[in-house]
Amino acid sequence: MIDLHTHSTASDGSLSPEALMREAAQAGISAIALTDHDSIKGLDYARNEAGRQGIRLIPGIEIEINYPGPGHFHLLGLGIRAPSPGFVEAVEGLSLLREERNLKILALMRDLGIEAGMEELRDLARGEARTSTGPGPSVGRPHFAALLVKRGMVKNQDLAFARYLGPGKPLYVPKPGLDFDRAQALVRESLGLPVLAHPLSLYLSWSRLRSFLAALKDRGLGGLEAWHPAAKVRDCRRLEGMARELGLRVTAGSDFHSGDQGGRRLGRSGGGRKIEDAVLEAIPELLD
């Protein structure tokens, strides 16, 4: 099996990059992409451990893209083998904007009478990775959700998003991103393949989605994550057919964050299906 979409504590996962590689080895993964949100801080740690575990590491990232619709647009950069200076600068800028967003959410929490600080959130962000190795924890909305659960304000993180952290809710602050054209260019100049992640999260009708993808292809999009655990098998198949029709590479991932994340497992995607080695073998850009 392989997996082309995973997260570590370098963004909002619960496992350190090293622990994620060990978990992947135990799961029988032969190749894995680490695609932390707006961060490549975990790649060196993951690369070293992947080598020890005999796993091929595909260096990657998941970038927030500015998008006017009701959904959200994430771009995977797969195979970031040589991050360009412009790429590194852009990612560091997104990290600073993420910190500013966190402070704004904290201020909104205090307005609601919820006292909290960044250190408590960082402690939650460390999750299961309480070791001295790996990058420091990156705080995001899932950790605010965990804090609300800890405070007893909601029973679980899904309710935290539904009542407090989702769009239009009291603690919602839009996440800053990059424009698509700039993001795909930065990925390509870093020797990576720009791939649209979980396309159904754009909340477009099938007809609008196809025309949207065709336009993105003309602007540099290289692949489509047709297989994602949040999508039904029939929709994954439809997305795969659309990708092939448009000449886009087909990718698949678990979008793994933690072991207790709604049944998501490394190496498995839509419908719990195994992600076979053949998926990677059909993407020569990632095999160089």
Foldseek 3Di string as FASTA:
>chain_A
DEFEAEEDLQAQFQHFLLVVLVQCLVVVHQEYEYAHELDQQRVVVNVVNNVVSNHHYWYKYWFWADDDFLFTWIKIWTRLQAQDPVNVVQSVVLLVLQVVLVVLLQVLCVVVVHHDDPVQLQVVSNHPPPDPDHDRGHGDDQSVLVVCCVVVVDVHSVVCCVAADDPPHSRHDDRDGHHLLVVLVSSVVSLTAIEIEPLCRSVDDPVVSLVVVLVVVVSRHAAYALWAQVDAPVSSVVVVVSCVVSNHQYHHHQNYRYPPDPPRDGQATHPRDGDDPVSVVSPVSRVD
